[in-house]
Amino acid sequence: MDGILVAACTVLGLAVGSFLNVVIHRVPRKESIMRPRSRCPSCGTQIAERDNIPLVSWILLRGKCRHCQAPISPRYPLVEALTGGLFAAAALKFGADWALPAFLALTAGLVALAFTDLEHYLLPVRIVYPVLLLVGGLLILAAAITGNWHRLLIAVLSGAIAFAFFFLLNFINPKWMAFGDVRLSAIIGLGLGWLGGGYAVLGFFLAFLLGAVIGVALIAAKRIQRTSPIPFGVFLAAGAFIAIYAGHPILHWYRHRR
């Protein structure tokens, strides 16, 4: 049954990843994510069903539009593969647990927001609020079915504390923390808090650590300036994923090291 669940989540993740590519492309442009159907951004030709199979179509087409031969961004198969892989990882970690749907929704939301921030330096509320409501609603459902109200309480407190901390940073100096990151912190705090308060602390610590290390490295390599904007949503998502899937051994090591 575990193998079936992992396979099903992988296929679902690939399909969701294909949809996330639409979200990443259209939402920052304030376009509908439902209509019209996907088209080549270069020639405007509607993409046929056979050319819209996650991963497979991009490989068969060698990363080019069938009609105009314009290159198709490698971001498309990357998002699909990443989402499929993370959905599989979630199935392996949670199994047939009622919290699994919430973490699949969290994963999809973080992937969409991370790539949107990476490309547009933007964390749109049209993505943030639906993800927050979906993750929150699914965690409430999981708590109601399993009786894990204590987990839900910690999750809500973690989300509220994270929001308050990031809001304070933004209030002191908006250049330190954009308000999109403030909203995103509530979602991440909520999700990680379900696993435990330590996971939430670890996830945010890793986000700041990754942001600092990579930022300094890029400045040293003269790829960016000290005043250049940083897509911090990418690091928040990365820190959250590391905390979810590697948080237990990290926290175990830290507790026994003290």
C-alpha atoms as a PDB file:
ATOM      1  CA  MET A   1       0.000   0.000   0.000  1.00  0.00           C
ATOM      2  CA  ASP A   2       2.879   2.388   0.738  1.00  0.00           C
ATOM      3  CA  GLY A   3       4.243   1.825  -2.770  1.00  0.00           C
ATOM      4  CA  ILE A   4       0.858   2.539  -4.312  1.00  0.00           C
ATOM      5  CA  LEU A   5       0.505   5.724  -2.254  1.00  0.00           C
ATOM      6  CA  VAL A   6       3.968   6.953  -3.257  1.00  0.00           C
ATOM      7  CA  ALA A   7       3.326   6.199  -6.932  1.00  0.00           C
ATOM      8  CA  ALA A   8      -0.057   7.930  -6.817  1.00  0.00           C
ATOM      9  CA  CYS A   9       1.395  11.000  -5.111  1.00  0.00           C
ATOM     10  CA  THR A  10       4.240  11.136  -7.632  1.00  0.00           C
ATOM     11  CA  VAL A  11       1.835  11.126 -10.584  1.00  0.00           C
ATOM     12  CA  LEU A  12      -0.370  13.664  -8.814  1.00  0.00           C
ATOM     13  CA  GLY A  13       2.675  15.837  -8.150  1.00  0.00           C
ATOM     14  CA  LEU A  14       3.682  15.822 -11.815  1.00  0.00           C
ATOM     15  CA  ALA A  15       0.172  16.899 -12.813  1.00  0.00           C
ATOM     16  CA  VAL A  16       0.046  19.555 -10.091  1.00  0.00           C
ATOM     17  CA  GLY A  17       3.496  20.770 -11.171  1.00  0.00           C
ATOM     18  CA  SER A  18       2.173  21.299 -14.689  1.00  0.00           C
ATOM     19  CA  PHE A  19      -0.643  23.418 -13.251  1.00  0.00           C
ATOM     20  CA  LEU A  20       1.804  25.324 -11.045  1.00  0.00           C
ATOM     21  CA  ASN A  21       3.697  26.383 -14.177  1.00  0.00           C
ATOM     22  CA  VAL A  22       0.507  28.074 -15.346  1.00  0.00           C
ATOM     23  CA  VAL A  23       0.147  29.767 -11.959  1.00  0.00           C
ATOM     24  CA  ILE A  24       3.770  30.942 -11.956  1.00  0.00           C
ATOM     25  CA  HIS A  25       3.452  32.370 -15.466  1.00  0.00           C
ATOM     26  CA  ARG A  26       0.004  33.952 -15.271  1.00  0.00           C
ATOM     27  CA  VAL A  27      -0.640  35.155 -11.721  1.00  0.00           C
ATOM     28  CA  PRO A  28       2.127  37.840 -11.700  1.00  0.00           C
ATOM     29  CA  ARG A  29       0.681  39.074 -15.003  1.00  0.00           C
ATOM     30  CA  LYS A  30      -2.808  39.180 -13.422  1.00  0.00           C
ATOM     31  CA  GLU A  31      -4.149  36.714 -15.984  1.00  0.00           C
ATOM     32  CA  SER A  32      -6.715  33.981 -15.437  1.00  0.00           C
ATOM     33  CA  ILE A  33      -5.255  30.603 -14.518  1.00  0.00           C
ATOM     34  CA  MET A  34      -8.273  28.824 -16.015  1.00  0.00           C
ATOM     35  CA  ARG A  35      -8.696  30.371 -19.467  1.00  0.00           C
ATOM     36  CA  PRO A  36      -7.517  30.392 -22.180  1.00  0.00           C
ATOM     37  CA  ARG A  37      -5.791  27.035 -22.526  1.00  0.00           C
ATOM     38  CA  SER A  38      -2.002  26.946 -22.469  1.00  0.00           C
ATOM     39  CA  ARG A  39      -0.322  28.555 -25.467  1.00  0.00           C
ATOM     40  CA  CYS A  40       3.222  29.025 -26.661  1.00  0.00           C
ATOM     41  CA  PRO A  41       4.356  32.420 -25.324  1.00  0.00           C
ATOM     42  CA  SER A  42       6.346  33.014 -28.537  1.00  0.00           C
ATOM     43  CA  CYS A  43       3.938  32.154 -31.373  1.00  0.00           C
ATOM     44  CA  GLY A  44       0.651  31.995 -29.453  1.00  0.00           C
ATOM     45  CA  THR A  45      -0.277  28.538 -30.792  1.00  0.00           C
ATOM     46  CA  GLN A  46      -2.477  26.519 -28.438  1.00  0.00           C
ATOM     47  CA  ILE A  47      -0.562  23.618 -26.952  1.00  0.00           C
ATOM     48  CA  ALA A  48      -1.998  20.240 -27.952  1.00  0.00           C
ATOM     49  CA  GLU A  49      -2.776  17.595 -25.340  1.00  0.00           C
ATOM     50  CA  ARG A  50       0.075  15.392 -26.608  1.00  0.00           C
ATOM     51  CA  ASP A  51       2.501  18.269 -25.980  1.00  0.00           C
ATOM     52  CA  ASN A  52       1.201  18.915 -22.478  1.00  0.00           C
ATOM     53  CA  ILE A  53       2.263  15.702 -20.727  1.00  0.00           C
ATOM     54  CA  PRO A  54       4.399  16.571 -17.679  1.00  0.00           C
ATOM     55  CA  LEU A  55       8.133  16.023 -18.262  1.00  0.00           C
ATOM     56  CA  VAL A  56       7.594  13.660 -21.213  1.00  0.00           C
ATOM     57  CA  SER A  57       6.474  16.293 -23.720  1.00  0.00           C
ATOM     58  CA  TRP A  58       9.367  18.651 -22.923  1.00  0.00           C
ATOM     59  CA  ILE A  59      11.865  15.823 -23.416  1.00  0.00           C
ATOM     60  CA  LEU A  60      10.299  14.592 -26.672  1.00  0.00           C
ATOM     61  CA  LEU A  61      10.124  18.138 -28.032  1.00  0.00           C
ATOM     62  CA  ARG A  62      13.747  18.705 -26.933  1.00  0.00           C
ATOM     63  CA  GLY A  63      12.699  21.823 -25.073  1.00  0.00           C
ATOM     64  CA  LYS A  64      11.263  23.589 -28.125  1.00  0.00           C
ATOM     65  CA  CYS A  65       7.815  24.582 -29.378  1.00  0.00           C
ATOM     66  CA  ARG A  66       6.529  22.145 -31.987  1.00  0.00           C
ATOM     67  CA  HIS A  67       5.353  25.006 -34.247  1.00  0.00           C
ATOM     68  CA  CYS A  68       7.839  27.866 -34.005  1.00  0.00           C
ATOM     69  CA  GLN A  69      10.815  26.006 -32.503  1.00  0.00           C
ATOM     70  CA  ALA A  70      11.200  28.685 -29.832  1.00  0.00           C
ATOM     71  CA  PRO A  71      12.942  27.342 -26.702  1.00  0.00           C
ATOM     72  CA  ILE A  72      10.725  26.307 -23.797  1.00  0.00           C
ATOM     73  CA  SER A  73      12.134  27.371 -20.446  1.00  0.00           C
ATOM     74  CA  PRO A  74      13.681  24.510 -18.434  1.00  0.00           C
ATOM     75  CA  ARG A  75      11.711  25.907 -15.525  1.00  0.00           C
ATOM     76  CA  TYR A  76       8.687  23.938 -16.791  1.00  0.00           C
ATOM     77  CA  PRO A  77      10.118  20.407 -16.416  1.00  0.00           C
ATOM     78  CA  LEU A  78      12.015  21.495 -13.280  1.00  0.00           C
ATOM     79  CA  VAL A  79       8.821  22.545 -11.506  1.00  0.00           C
ATOM     80  CA  GLU A  80       7.054  19.368 -12.598  1.00  0.00           C
ATOM     81  CA  ALA A  81       9.906  17.077 -11.516  1.00  0.00           C
ATOM     82  CA  LEU A  82      10.421  18.940  -8.228  1.00  0.00           C
ATOM     83  CA  THR A  83       6.726  18.828  -7.346  1.00  0.00           C
ATOM     84  CA  GLY A  84       6.504  15.144  -8.239  1.00  0.00           C
ATOM     85  CA  GLY A  85       9.569  14.348  -6.147  1.00  0.00           C
ATOM     86  CA  LEU A  86       8.378  16.358  -3.148  1.00  0.00           C
ATOM     87  CA  PHE A  87       4.911  14.769  -3.306  1.00  0.00           C
ATOM     88  CA  ALA A  88       6.592  11.348  -3.288  1.00  0.00           C
ATOM     89  CA  ALA A  89       8.734  12.409  -0.308  1.00  0.00           C
ATOM     90  CA  ALA A  90       5.611  13.566   1.542  1.00  0.00           C
ATOM     91  CA  ALA A  91       3.941  10.206   0.909  1.00  0.00           C
ATOM     92  CA  LEU A  92       7.008   8.398   2.255  1.00  0.00           C
ATOM     93  CA  LYS A  93       7.169  10.579   5.365  1.00  0.00           C
ATOM     94  CA  PHE A  94       3.495  10.783   6.322  1.00  0.00           C
ATOM     95  CA  GLY A  95       2.064   7.636   4.747  1.00  0.00           C
ATOM     96  CA  ALA A  96      -1.717   7.297   4.877  1.00  0.00           C
ATOM     97  CA  ASP A  97      -1.961  10.020   7.512  1.00  0.00           C
ATOM     98  CA  TRP A  98      -4.750  12.562   7.527  1.00  0.00           C
ATOM     99  CA  ALA A  99      -2.115  15.320   7.603  1.00  0.00           C
ATOM    100  CA  LEU A 100      -0.756  14.249   4.199  1.00  0.00           C
ATOM    101  CA  PRO A 101      -3.232  16.342   2.128  1.00  0.00           C
ATOM    102  CA  ALA A 102      -2.280  19.457   4.092  1.00  0.00           C
ATOM    103  CA  PHE A 103       1.421  18.923   3.426  1.00  0.00           C
ATOM    104  CA  LEU A 104       0.792  18.217  -0.252  1.00  0.00           C
ATOM    105  CA  ALA A 105      -1.048  21.546  -0.441  1.00  0.00           C
ATOM    106  CA  LEU A 106       1.781  23.238   1.474  1.00  0.00           C
ATOM    107  CA  THR A 107       4.335  21.732  -0.899  1.00  0.00           C
ATOM    108  CA  ALA A 108       2.485  22.896  -4.001  1.00  0.00           C
ATOM    109  CA  GLY A 109       2.059  26.378  -2.568  1.00  0.00           C
ATOM    110  CA  LEU A 110       5.704  26.725  -1.580  1.00  0.00           C
ATOM    111  CA  VAL A 111       6.914  25.561  -5.003  1.00  0.00           C
ATOM    112  CA  ALA A 112       4.641  28.043  -6.778  1.00  0.00           C
ATOM    113  CA  LEU A 113       5.620  30.918  -4.488  1.00  0.00           C
ATOM    114  CA  ALA A 114       9.343  30.136  -4.570  1.00  0.00           C
ATOM    115  CA  PHE A 115       9.537  30.126  -8.369  1.00  0.00           C
ATOM    116  CA  THR A 116       7.296  33.185  -8.659  1.00  0.00           C
ATOM    117  CA  ASP A 117       9.539  35.057  -6.238  1.00  0.00           C
ATOM    118  CA  LEU A 118      12.651  33.845  -8.076  1.00  0.00           C
ATOM    119  CA  GLU A 119      11.369  35.124 -11.434  1.00  0.00           C
ATOM    120  CA  HIS A 120       9.387  38.209 -10.422  1.00  0.00           C
ATOM    121  CA  TYR A 121      10.522  39.132  -6.869  1.00  0.00           C
ATOM    122  CA  LEU A 122       6.872  38.826  -5.929  1.00  0.00           C
ATOM    123  CA  LEU A 123       4.767  36.698  -3.570  1.00  0.00           C
ATOM    124  CA  PRO A 124       1.233  37.368  -4.871  1.00  0.00           C
ATOM    125  CA  VAL A 125      -1.692  37.340  -2.468  1.00  0.00           C
ATOM    126  CA  ARG A 126      -3.625  35.417  -5.161  1.00  0.00           C
ATOM    127  CA  ILE A 127      -1.374  32.480  -4.302  1.00  0.00           C
ATOM    128  CA  VAL A 128      -0.618  33.155  -0.628  1.00  0.00           C
ATOM    129  CA  TYR A 129      -4.188  33.444   0.691  1.00  0.00           C
ATOM    130  CA  PRO A 130      -5.634  30.356  -1.063  1.00  0.00           C
ATOM    131  CA  VAL A 131      -2.665  28.290   0.141  1.00  0.00           C
ATOM    132  CA  LEU A 132      -3.086  29.584   3.705  1.00  0.00           C
ATOM    133  CA  LEU A 133      -6.812  28.764   3.709  1.00  0.00           C
ATOM    134  CA  LEU A 134      -6.283  25.343   2.119  1.00  0.00           C
ATOM    135  CA  VAL A 135      -3.466  24.283   4.448  1.00  0.00           C
ATOM    136  CA  GLY A 136      -5.291  25.634   7.499  1.00  0.00           C
ATOM    137  CA  GLY A 137      -8.563  23.963   6.527  1.00  0.00           C
ATOM    138  CA  LEU A 138      -6.906  20.597   5.867  1.00  0.00           C
ATOM    139  CA  LEU A 139      -5.048  20.712   9.191  1.00  0.00           C
ATOM    140  CA  ILE A 140      -8.310  21.481  10.988  1.00  0.00           C
ATOM    141  CA  LEU A 141      -9.882  18.486   9.221  1.00  0.00           C
ATOM    142  CA  ALA A 142      -6.922  16.287  10.208  1.00  0.00           C
ATOM    143  CA  ALA A 143      -7.205  17.423  13.825  1.00  0.00           C
ATOM    144  CA  ALA A 144     -10.957  16.787  13.890  1.00  0.00           C
ATOM    145  CA  ILE A 145     -10.577  13.250  12.511  1.00  0.00           C
ATOM    146  CA  THR A 146      -7.555  12.203  14.571  1.00  0.00           C
ATOM    147  CA  GLY A 147      -8.184  14.243  17.703  1.00  0.00           C
ATOM    148  CA  ASN A 148      -4.757  15.909  17.441  1.00  0.00           C
ATOM    149  CA  TRP A 149      -6.008  19.282  18.652  1.00  0.00           C
ATOM    150  CA  HIS A 150      -2.745  19.830  20.534  1.00  0.00           C
ATOM    151  CA  ARG A 151      -0.842  19.644  17.241  1.00  0.00           C
ATOM    152  CA  LEU A 152      -3.253  22.128  15.694  1.00  0.00           C
ATOM    153  CA  LEU A 153      -2.821  24.517  18.633  1.00  0.00           C
ATOM    154  CA  ILE A 154       0.974  24.431  18.271  1.00  0.00           C
ATOM    155  CA  ALA A 155       0.592  24.932  14.511  1.00  0.00           C
ATOM    156  CA  VAL A 156      -1.615  27.998  14.953  1.00  0.00           C
ATOM    157  CA  LEU A 157       0.676  29.457  17.636  1.00  0.00           C
ATOM    158  CA  SER A 158       3.746  28.837  15.448  1.00  0.00           C
ATOM    159  CA  GLY A 159       2.101  30.570  12.501  1.00  0.00           C
ATOM    160  CA  ALA A 160       1.039  33.529  14.660  1.00  0.00           C
ATOM    161  CA  ILE A 161       4.477  33.907  16.274  1.00  0.00           C
ATOM    162  CA  ALA A 162       6.222  33.686  12.907  1.00  0.00           C
ATOM    163  CA  PHE A 163       3.888  36.301  11.439  1.00  0.00           C
ATOM    164  CA  ALA A 164       4.447  38.622  14.415  1.00  0.00           C
ATOM    165  CA  PHE A 165       8.239  38.285  14.201  1.00  0.00           C
ATOM    166  CA  PHE A 166       8.379  38.912  10.454  1.00  0.00           C
ATOM    167  CA  PHE A 167       5.852  41.739  10.793  1.00  0.00           C
ATOM    168  CA  LEU A 168       8.133  43.380  13.370  1.00  0.00           C
ATOM    169  CA  LEU A 169      11.088  43.161  10.978  1.00  0.00           C
ATOM    170  CA  ASN A 170       8.998  44.713   8.227  1.00  0.00           C
ATOM    171  CA  PHE A 171       7.724  47.435  10.566  1.00  0.00           C
ATOM    172  CA  ILE A 172      11.224  48.385  11.706  1.00  0.00           C
ATOM    173  CA  ASN A 173      12.594  48.467   8.166  1.00  0.00           C
ATOM    174  CA  PRO A 174      10.686  47.224   5.078  1.00  0.00           C
ATOM    175  CA  LYS A 175      14.041  46.749   3.339  1.00  0.00           C
ATOM    176  CA  TRP A 176      14.841  43.994   5.813  1.00  0.00           C
ATOM    177  CA  MET A 177      11.697  42.022   5.083  1.00  0.00           C
ATOM    178  CA  ALA A 178       9.067  42.535   2.376  1.00  0.00           C
ATOM    179  CA  PHE A 179       5.447  42.092   3.417  1.00  0.00           C
ATOM    180  CA  GLY A 180       5.022  39.164   1.044  1.00  0.00           C
ATOM    181  CA  ASP A 181       7.538  37.296   3.180  1.00  0.00           C
ATOM    182  CA  VAL A 182       5.550  38.271   6.269  1.00  0.00           C
ATOM    183  CA  ARG A 183       2.440  36.599   4.851  1.00  0.00           C
ATOM    184  CA  LEU A 184       4.410  33.546   3.734  1.00  0.00           C
ATOM    185  CA  SER A 185       5.904  33.118   7.213  1.00  0.00           C
ATOM    186  CA  ALA A 186       2.420  32.473   8.609  1.00  0.00           C
ATOM    187  CA  ILE A 187       1.860  29.588   6.179  1.00  0.00           C
ATOM    188  CA  ILE A 188       5.239  28.026   6.903  1.00  0.00           C
ATOM    189  CA  GLY A 189       4.844  28.464  10.650  1.00  0.00           C
ATOM    190  CA  LEU A 190       1.435  26.816  10.474  1.00  0.00           C
ATOM    191  CA  GLY A 191       2.703  23.815   8.516  1.00  0.00           C
ATOM    192  CA  LEU A 192       5.920  23.258  10.445  1.00  0.00           C
ATOM    193  CA  GLY A 193       4.169  23.874  13.742  1.00  0.00           C
ATOM    194  CA  TRP A 194       2.003  20.801  13.136  1.00  0.00           C
ATOM    195  CA  LEU A 195       5.218  18.770  13.347  1.00  0.00           C
ATOM    196  CA  GLY A 196       6.338  20.639  16.467  1.00  0.00           C
ATOM    197  CA  GLY A 197       7.614  24.029  17.542  1.00  0.00           C
ATOM    198  CA  GLY A 198      11.216  22.908  17.060  1.00  0.00           C
ATOM    199  CA  TYR A 199      10.558  22.234  13.378  1.00  0.00           C
ATOM    200  CA  ALA A 200       9.248  25.772  12.909  1.00  0.00           C
ATOM    201  CA  VAL A 201      12.307  27.303  14.606  1.00  0.00           C
ATOM    202  CA  LEU A 202      14.605  25.087  12.534  1.00  0.00           C
ATOM    203  CA  GLY A 203      12.878  25.939   9.261  1.00  0.00           C
ATOM    204  CA  PHE A 204      13.167  29.693   9.761  1.00  0.00           C
ATOM    205  CA  PHE A 205      16.737  29.410  11.069  1.00  0.00           C
ATOM    206  CA  LEU A 206      17.732  27.487   7.937  1.00  0.00           C
ATOM    207  CA  ALA A 207      16.001  30.063   5.735  1.00  0.00           C
ATOM    208  CA  PHE A 208      18.034  32.916   7.240  1.00  0.00           C
ATOM    209  CA  LEU A 209      21.210  30.835   7.153  1.00  0.00           C
ATOM    210  CA  LEU A 210      20.773  29.863   3.489  1.00  0.00           C
ATOM    211  CA  GLY A 211      19.861  33.435   2.559  1.00  0.00           C
ATOM    212  CA  ALA A 212      22.947  34.822   4.311  1.00  0.00           C
ATOM    213  CA  VAL A 213      25.393  32.271   2.912  1.00  0.00           C
ATOM    214  CA  ILE A 214      24.141  32.395  -0.672  1.00  0.00           C
ATOM    215  CA  GLY A 215      23.738  36.174  -0.564  1.00  0.00           C
ATOM    216  CA  VAL A 216      27.320  36.688   0.625  1.00  0.00           C
ATOM    217  CA  ALA A 217      28.576  34.215  -1.989  1.00  0.00           C
ATOM    218  CA  LEU A 218      26.769  36.054  -4.799  1.00  0.00           C
ATOM    219  CA  ILE A 219      28.106  39.410  -3.596  1.00  0.00           C
ATOM    220  CA  ALA A 220      31.633  37.999  -3.393  1.00  0.00           C
ATOM    221  CA  ALA A 221      31.262  36.641  -6.933  1.00  0.00           C
ATOM    222  CA  LYS A 222      29.979  40.080  -8.015  1.00  0.00           C
ATOM    223  CA  ARG A 223      26.755  38.554  -9.308  1.00  0.00           C
ATOM    224  CA  ILE A 224      24.670  40.963  -7.243  1.00  0.00           C
ATOM    225  CA  GLN A 225      25.189  44.186  -5.309  1.00  0.00           C
ATOM    226  CA  ARG A 226      24.620  44.649  -1.585  1.00  0.00           C
ATOM    227  CA  THR A 227      21.515  46.673  -2.385  1.00  0.00           C
ATOM    228  CA  SER A 228      20.136  44.112  -4.878  1.00  0.00           C
ATOM    229  CA  PRO A 229      16.759  42.568  -4.014  1.00  0.00           C
ATOM    230  CA  ILE A 230      16.815  38.997  -2.725  1.00  0.00           C
ATOM    231  CA  PRO A 231      13.950  36.546  -3.425  1.00  0.00           C
ATOM    232  CA  PHE A 232      13.761  35.512   0.225  1.00  0.00           C
ATOM    233  CA  GLY A 233      10.670  33.414  -0.463  1.00  0.00           C
ATOM    234  CA  VAL A 234      12.984  30.897  -2.135  1.00  0.00           C
ATOM    235  CA  PHE A 235      14.996  30.513   1.073  1.00  0.00           C
ATOM    236  CA  LEU A 236      11.868  30.335   3.223  1.00  0.00           C
ATOM    237  CA  ALA A 237      10.568  27.484   1.063  1.00  0.00           C
ATOM    238  CA  ALA A 238      13.943  25.712   1.086  1.00  0.00           C
ATOM    239  CA  GLY A 239      14.232  26.003   4.864  1.00  0.00           C
ATOM    240  CA  ALA A 240      10.707  24.627   5.262  1.00  0.00           C
ATOM    241  CA  PHE A 241      11.377  21.623   3.028  1.00  0.00           C
ATOM    242  CA  ILE A 242      14.618  20.788   4.831  1.00  0.00           C
ATOM    243  CA  ALA A 243      12.846  21.034   8.184  1.00  0.00           C
ATOM    244  CA  ILE A 244      10.007  18.770   7.028  1.00  0.00           C
ATOM    245  CA  TYR A 245      12.115  16.015   5.504  1.00  0.00           C
ATOM    246  CA  ALA A 246      15.375  16.258   7.459  1.00  0.00           C
ATOM    247  CA  GLY A 247      14.228  18.026  10.602  1.00  0.00           C
ATOM    248  CA  HIS A 248      13.961  14.927  12.790  1.00  0.00           C
ATOM    249  CA  PRO A 249      17.629  13.846  12.536  1.00  0.00           C
ATOM    250  CA  ILE A 250      18.831  17.458  12.757  1.00  0.00           C
ATOM    251  CA  LEU A 251      16.807  18.154  15.900  1.00  0.00           C
ATOM    252  CA  HIS A 252      17.776  14.769  17.356  1.00  0.00           C
ATOM    253  CA  TRP A 253      21.460  15.571  16.819  1.00  0.00           C
ATOM    254  CA  TYR A 254      21.100  19.040  18.328  1.00  0.00           C
ATOM    255  CA  ARG A 255      19.268  17.826  21.441  1.00  0.00           C
ATOM    256  CA  HIS A 256      21.809  15.100  22.155  1.00  0.00           C
ATOM    257  CA  ARG A 257      24.732  17.437  21.486  1.00  0.00           C
ATOM    258  CA  ARG A 258      23.711  19.809  24.257  1.00  0.00           C
END
